[in-house]
């Protein structure tokens, strides 16, 4: 997997899974009374059993939000994960999948219970590829991916560092990599929406490499604006109305070329019991009112609402450079 595509994919995964803005792994730890974890060291298996239980969510049903409980039946011996330990490295094959191993440091052969830190390695064409020390040191300024294993918990969670929330050089974020790809007609199916990638840790060195590789000439740049030439076209990117509080944010963005301007707004909200009833379905991502009208949608963590995204996507296609044959 090349670095360009990996950054885009990881950005989507990161914000889809993030629902905790804690700055230490201890804030992510805890026990779950209905969940029981057992380790079979001979078979190298982690088995998770769940009792009958209920959990609280912000429930969307027939267009209205309300905080309520969702009941779950017992789930015994069905979630079986395999693992290997090599020295101080734990390799986990979630649910027995050998195609996507996860690599961790932090425990020992005799003590699998505890907190293990994901070291960012992945498997590609039967080779294990790990980030360089420079990449690892850079990433750790902003976040950690922690796997907690205890008698009552088996879960991997992101832990955001303070630097993540302080970074505000949005024109050096992963969003620019995404936008460049869309304007160049490089990657089919990639969206021009923000989807959290605007608030990612800085990617200045990678962005400069992409700009050099694709003959993108930067004419002007601030933390919230960027003017550049791509092919025979000149583009102006501008962010306005930026509000950011932990994982909550609101932002408006415009991309202009010649006399055509594309714009839309996006906001992300961490849904809680207190603000559940305040949520609306207007621009709610991945929500189809007709399809979901008869079914409840349980929300925990962050949700994203947009205004004018469909028109923005179409507009961006119109101002993109002509695709090479």
Foldseek 3Di string as FASTA:
>chain_A
DDPLVVQLVVQLVQLVFAFDAAADVVVVDDFDPQWFWDADLVQQKIFIWGAWDKDWFFKAALFFTAIDIDTDHTDGRQFMKGWDDDAQKIWIRGSDNPQWIWIWGDAGSVDPADKTWTQAWTDDPNDIDGDDPVVSVQPVQFWIWIFGDDRGDGDIHIHTHPVLQVDQLLCQFSLVSLLVCLLQVNDPPRANDPSRRSSGPGNNVVVVVVCVVQVKAWDDGDSFWTWIDGDNWIKIKGKPPWDDDRPWIKIKIWIDIDHDIAIKIKIKDQDDNVCSRVDGPAQWPPDDCVVCNRDMDGDGGMTMGMGCRVVRRVSSNVNRDDHDD
